[in-house]
Amino acid sequence: MEPTVENLDIKIMQLDITMAKTNVVLDAGTREAIERQLSTLKSITTEIARMRIEVEAKKLVAKETMTDIEKWNTQLDPKLGEADNEVSKVWKWFDE
């Protein structure tokens, strides 16, 4: 997927959809489904991080101000933090 702001927004929507499924998957207790959920969460967040760096670079090339880039960037941090919490929740299930 081409790293654009629009495609990054799509990935974030996919992350939202995936995160919304975590509790249902954990409640079902099927190890394979839980492993898939963990893998999907990690895969999407890795893709978002990669795309974020590339979109940042495009913004720099386009001579956007650092203030605008930082403002845009800080909008992603809470979403990635939520994903990290979901990953921790899954790991906790494995530890129990």
N, C-alpha and C. Protein backbone atom coordinates (compact mmCIF):
# COMPACT_ATOMS: atom_id res chain seq x y z
N MET A 1 0.85 -1.18 0.00
CA MET A 1 0.00 0.00 0.00
C MET A 1 0.89 1.24 0.00
N GLU A 2 0.61 2.13 -0.92
CA GLU A 2 1.38 3.38 -1.05
C GLU A 2 1.25 4.20 0.23
N PRO A 3 2.36 4.65 0.78
CA PRO A 3 2.29 5.44 2.02
C PRO A 3 1.83 6.88 1.76
N THR A 4 0.52 7.08 1.85
CA THR A 4 -0.07 8.41 1.74
C THR A 4 -0.89 8.66 3.00
N VAL A 5 -1.24 9.90 3.24
CA VAL A 5 -2.08 10.21 4.40
C VAL A 5 -3.39 9.44 4.31
N GLU A 6 -3.96 9.37 3.13
CA GLU A 6 -5.23 8.68 2.94
C GLU A 6 -5.10 7.18 3.25
N ASN A 7 -4.06 6.55 2.75
CA ASN A 7 -3.85 5.13 3.00
C ASN A 7 -3.51 4.87 4.46
N LEU A 8 -2.81 5.79 5.08
CA LEU A 8 -2.52 5.67 6.51
C LEU A 8 -3.82 5.74 7.30
N ASP A 9 -4.73 6.61 6.90
CA ASP A 9 -6.05 6.68 7.55
C ASP A 9 -6.80 5.36 7.41
N ILE A 10 -6.69 4.73 6.25
CA ILE A 10 -7.34 3.42 6.04
C ILE A 10 -6.74 2.39 6.98
N LYS A 11 -5.42 2.38 7.12
CA LYS A 11 -4.76 1.43 8.03
C LYS A 11 -5.22 1.67 9.47
N ILE A 12 -5.40 2.93 9.84
CA ILE A 12 -5.85 3.24 11.19
C ILE A 12 -7.28 2.73 11.40
N MET A 13 -8.12 2.85 10.36
CA MET A 13 -9.47 2.29 10.45
C MET A 13 -9.42 0.77 10.60
N GLN A 14 -8.52 0.13 9.86
CA GLN A 14 -8.35 -1.32 10.00
C GLN A 14 -7.90 -1.67 11.42
N LEU A 15 -7.03 -0.85 11.97
CA LEU A 15 -6.58 -1.08 13.34
C LEU A 15 -7.75 -0.95 14.31
N ASP A 16 -8.59 0.06 14.12
CA ASP A 16 -9.77 0.23 14.98
C ASP A 16 -10.67 -1.01 14.92
N ILE A 17 -10.91 -1.50 13.72
CA ILE A 17 -11.75 -2.69 13.53
C ILE A 17 -11.13 -3.88 14.26
N THR A 18 -9.83 -4.06 14.10
CA THR A 18 -9.14 -5.19 14.72
C THR A 18 -9.15 -5.07 16.24
N MET A 19 -8.88 -3.87 16.75
CA MET A 19 -8.87 -3.68 18.21
C MET A 19 -10.25 -3.95 18.81
N ALA A 20 -11.30 -3.61 18.08
CA ALA A 20 -12.66 -3.84 18.57
C ALA A 20 -12.97 -5.32 18.74
N LYS A 21 -12.23 -6.18 18.06
CA LYS A 21 -12.46 -7.62 18.12
C LYS A 21 -11.69 -8.31 19.24
N THR A 22 -10.73 -7.63 19.86
CA THR A 22 -9.85 -8.29 20.82
C THR A 22 -10.61 -8.96 21.95
N ASN A 23 -11.51 -8.25 22.61
CA ASN A 23 -12.23 -8.84 23.75
C ASN A 23 -13.06 -10.04 23.34
N VAL A 24 -13.70 -9.97 22.18
CA VAL A 24 -14.52 -11.09 21.69
C VAL A 24 -13.64 -12.31 21.46
N VAL A 25 -12.49 -12.09 20.84
CA VAL A 25 -11.56 -13.19 20.55
C VAL A 25 -11.04 -13.79 21.86
N LEU A 26 -10.68 -12.93 22.80
CA LEU A 26 -10.16 -13.43 24.08
C LEU A 26 -11.25 -14.19 24.85
N ASP A 27 -12.47 -13.67 24.84
CA ASP A 27 -13.57 -14.34 25.54
C ASP A 27 -13.86 -15.72 24.96
N ALA A 28 -13.68 -15.87 23.65
CA ALA A 28 -13.91 -17.17 23.01
C ALA A 28 -12.87 -18.18 23.46
N GLY A 29 -11.66 -17.71 23.76
CA GLY A 29 -10.62 -18.57 24.31
C GLY A 29 -9.98 -19.54 23.34
N THR A 30 -10.15 -19.35 22.06
CA THR A 30 -9.54 -20.24 21.07
C THR A 30 -8.12 -19.76 20.79
N ARG A 31 -7.16 -20.59 21.15
CA ARG A 31 -5.76 -20.20 21.06
C ARG A 31 -5.36 -19.74 19.66
N GLU A 32 -5.79 -20.47 18.64
CA GLU A 32 -5.41 -20.12 17.27
C GLU A 32 -5.95 -18.74 16.89
N ALA A 33 -7.20 -18.47 17.26
CA ALA A 33 -7.80 -17.16 16.95
C ALA A 33 -7.09 -16.05 17.71
N ILE A 34 -6.69 -16.34 18.93
CA ILE A 34 -5.99 -15.35 19.75
C ILE A 34 -4.60 -15.08 19.16
N GLU A 35 -3.94 -16.13 18.69
CA GLU A 35 -2.64 -15.93 18.04
C GLU A 35 -2.78 -15.10 16.77
N ARG A 36 -3.85 -15.35 16.00
CA ARG A 36 -4.11 -14.55 14.80
C ARG A 36 -4.37 -13.10 15.15
N GLN A 37 -5.14 -12.89 16.22
CA GLN A 37 -5.45 -11.53 16.65
C GLN A 37 -4.16 -10.79 17.02
N LEU A 38 -3.30 -11.45 17.76
CA LEU A 38 -2.02 -10.85 18.15
C LEU A 38 -1.19 -10.53 16.91
N SER A 39 -1.11 -11.47 16.00
CA SER A 39 -0.35 -11.28 14.78
C SER A 39 -0.90 -10.12 13.95
N THR A 40 -2.22 -10.05 13.85
CA THR A 40 -2.85 -8.98 13.07
C THR A 40 -2.59 -7.62 13.71
N LEU A 41 -2.75 -7.53 15.01
CA LEU A 41 -2.47 -6.27 15.71
C LEU A 41 -1.04 -5.81 15.47
N LYS A 42 -0.11 -6.73 15.61
CA LYS A 42 1.30 -6.38 15.43
C LYS A 42 1.60 -6.01 13.98
N SER A 43 1.02 -6.74 13.05
CA SER A 43 1.25 -6.47 11.63
C SER A 43 0.73 -5.09 11.23
N ILE A 44 -0.47 -4.77 11.66
CA ILE A 44 -1.05 -3.47 11.29
C ILE A 44 -0.27 -2.33 11.94
N THR A 45 0.10 -2.48 13.20
CA THR A 45 0.85 -1.39 13.86
C THR A 45 2.23 -1.22 13.24
N THR A 46 2.85 -2.30 12.83
CA THR A 46 4.14 -2.21 12.14
C THR A 46 3.98 -1.48 10.82
N GLU A 47 2.92 -1.80 10.09
CA GLU A 47 2.66 -1.14 8.82
C GLU A 47 2.37 0.36 9.02
N ILE A 48 1.61 0.69 10.05
CA ILE A 48 1.33 2.09 10.35
C ILE A 48 2.63 2.83 10.67
N ALA A 49 3.49 2.22 11.47
CA ALA A 49 4.77 2.86 11.82
C ALA A 49 5.62 3.09 10.58
N ARG A 50 5.65 2.11 9.67
CA ARG A 50 6.42 2.25 8.44
C ARG A 50 5.85 3.37 7.57
N MET A 51 4.54 3.35 7.40
CA MET A 51 3.89 4.36 6.58
C MET A 51 4.05 5.76 7.19
N ARG A 52 4.00 5.82 8.50
CA ARG A 52 4.15 7.10 9.20
C ARG A 52 5.48 7.76 8.85
N ILE A 53 6.54 6.98 8.89
CA ILE A 53 7.87 7.51 8.58
C ILE A 53 7.94 7.99 7.14
N GLU A 54 7.35 7.23 6.22
CA GLU A 54 7.39 7.61 4.81
C GLU A 54 6.52 8.83 4.52
N VAL A 55 5.36 8.92 5.16
CA VAL A 55 4.51 10.10 4.97
C VAL A 55 5.19 11.33 5.57
N GLU A 56 5.82 11.14 6.72
CA GLU A 56 6.59 12.23 7.34
C GLU A 56 7.63 12.76 6.36
N ALA A 57 8.35 11.86 5.73
CA ALA A 57 9.38 12.25 4.76
C ALA A 57 8.77 13.04 3.60
N LYS A 58 7.62 12.59 3.12
CA LYS A 58 6.94 13.31 2.03
C LYS A 58 6.53 14.71 2.48
N LYS A 59 6.10 14.83 3.72
CA LYS A 59 5.72 16.13 4.25
C LYS A 59 6.95 17.05 4.33
N LEU A 60 8.08 16.48 4.72
CA LEU A 60 9.31 17.27 4.78
C LEU A 60 9.73 17.74 3.38
N VAL A 61 9.64 16.85 2.42
CA VAL A 61 9.98 17.20 1.03
C VAL A 61 9.05 18.30 0.52
N ALA A 62 7.78 18.24 0.94
CA ALA A 62 6.80 19.24 0.52
C ALA A 62 6.95 20.56 1.29
N LYS A 63 7.97 20.61 2.14
CA LYS A 63 8.29 21.83 2.91
C LYS A 63 7.19 22.22 3.90
N GLU A 64 6.47 21.22 4.43
CA GLU A 64 5.51 21.52 5.49
C GLU A 64 6.29 21.93 6.73
N THR A 65 5.69 22.76 7.55
CA THR A 65 6.39 23.23 8.75
C THR A 65 6.53 22.10 9.76
N MET A 66 7.56 22.19 10.56
CA MET A 66 7.77 21.18 11.61
C MET A 66 6.59 21.17 12.57
N THR A 67 6.03 22.33 12.85
CA THR A 67 4.88 22.42 13.74
C THR A 67 3.70 21.62 13.17
N ASP A 68 3.45 21.77 11.88
CA ASP A 68 2.35 21.03 11.25
C ASP A 68 2.63 19.53 11.24
N ILE A 69 3.86 19.16 10.97
CA ILE A 69 4.23 17.74 10.95
C ILE A 69 4.10 17.15 12.35
N GLU A 70 4.57 17.86 13.35
CA GLU A 70 4.47 17.38 14.73
C GLU A 70 3.01 17.26 15.16
N LYS A 71 2.19 18.23 14.78
CA LYS A 71 0.77 18.18 15.11
C LYS A 71 0.12 16.96 14.46
N TRP A 72 0.43 16.73 13.19
CA TRP A 72 -0.10 15.56 12.49
C TRP A 72 0.37 14.27 13.17
N ASN A 73 1.64 14.25 13.52
CA ASN A 73 2.25 13.08 14.12
C ASN A 73 1.63 12.74 15.47
N THR A 74 1.34 13.74 16.29
CA THR A 74 0.81 13.48 17.62
C THR A 74 -0.60 12.90 17.57
N GLN A 75 -1.27 13.02 16.44
CA GLN A 75 -2.60 12.41 16.31
C GLN A 75 -2.50 10.89 16.21
N LEU A 76 -1.35 10.40 15.79
CA LEU A 76 -1.17 8.95 15.65
C LEU A 76 -0.79 8.28 16.97
N ASP A 77 -0.12 9.00 17.83
CA ASP A 77 0.39 8.41 19.07
C ASP A 77 -0.68 7.75 19.93
N PRO A 78 -1.82 8.40 20.18
CA PRO A 78 -2.84 7.75 21.01
C PRO A 78 -3.36 6.44 20.40
N LYS A 79 -3.50 6.42 19.08
CA LYS A 79 -4.00 5.22 18.41
C LYS A 79 -3.01 4.07 18.56
N LEU A 80 -1.73 4.36 18.40
CA LEU A 80 -0.72 3.32 18.58
C LEU A 80 -0.64 2.88 20.04
N GLY A 81 -0.87 3.81 20.96
CA GLY A 81 -0.92 3.47 22.38
C GLY A 81 -2.06 2.51 22.68
N GLU A 82 -3.22 2.76 22.08
CA GLU A 82 -4.36 1.85 22.24
C GLU A 82 -4.01 0.46 21.72
N ALA A 83 -3.35 0.42 20.59
CA ALA A 83 -2.96 -0.87 20.01
C ALA A 83 -1.99 -1.60 20.93
N ASP A 84 -1.05 -0.86 21.50
CA ASP A 84 -0.10 -1.46 22.45
C ASP A 84 -0.84 -2.06 23.64
N ASN A 85 -1.88 -1.37 24.11
CA ASN A 85 -2.67 -1.89 25.22
C ASN A 85 -3.39 -3.18 24.83
N GLU A 86 -3.89 -3.23 23.60
CA GLU A 86 -4.56 -4.45 23.14
C GLU A 86 -3.57 -5.61 23.03
N VAL A 87 -2.37 -5.33 22.55
CA VAL A 87 -1.34 -6.37 22.47
C VAL A 87 -1.00 -6.87 23.88
N SER A 88 -0.88 -5.95 24.83
CA SER A 88 -0.59 -6.34 26.22
C SER A 88 -1.71 -7.21 26.78
N LYS A 89 -2.95 -6.88 26.44
CA LYS A 89 -4.10 -7.65 26.90
C LYS A 89 -4.01 -9.09 26.37
N VAL A 90 -3.61 -9.23 25.12
CA VAL A 90 -3.48 -10.57 24.53
C VAL A 90 -2.34 -11.32 25.20
N TRP A 91 -1.20 -10.68 25.40
CA TRP A 91 -0.08 -11.34 26.07
C TRP A 91 -0.47 -11.78 27.48
N LYS A 92 -1.27 -10.96 28.16
CA LYS A 92 -1.72 -11.30 29.51
C LYS A 92 -2.55 -12.59 29.46
N TRP A 93 -3.38 -12.73 28.43
CA TRP A 93 -4.18 -13.95 28.29
C TRP A 93 -3.26 -15.16 28.18
N PHE A 94 -2.17 -15.04 27.41
CA PHE A 94 -1.23 -16.15 27.25
C PHE A 94 -0.53 -16.48 28.57
N ASP A 95 -0.29 -15.46 29.39
CA ASP A 95 0.41 -15.67 30.66
C ASP A 95 -0.46 -16.35 31.71
N GLU A 96 -1.77 -16.29 31.52
CA GLU A 96 -2.68 -16.87 32.54
C GLU A 96 -2.90 -18.33 32.37
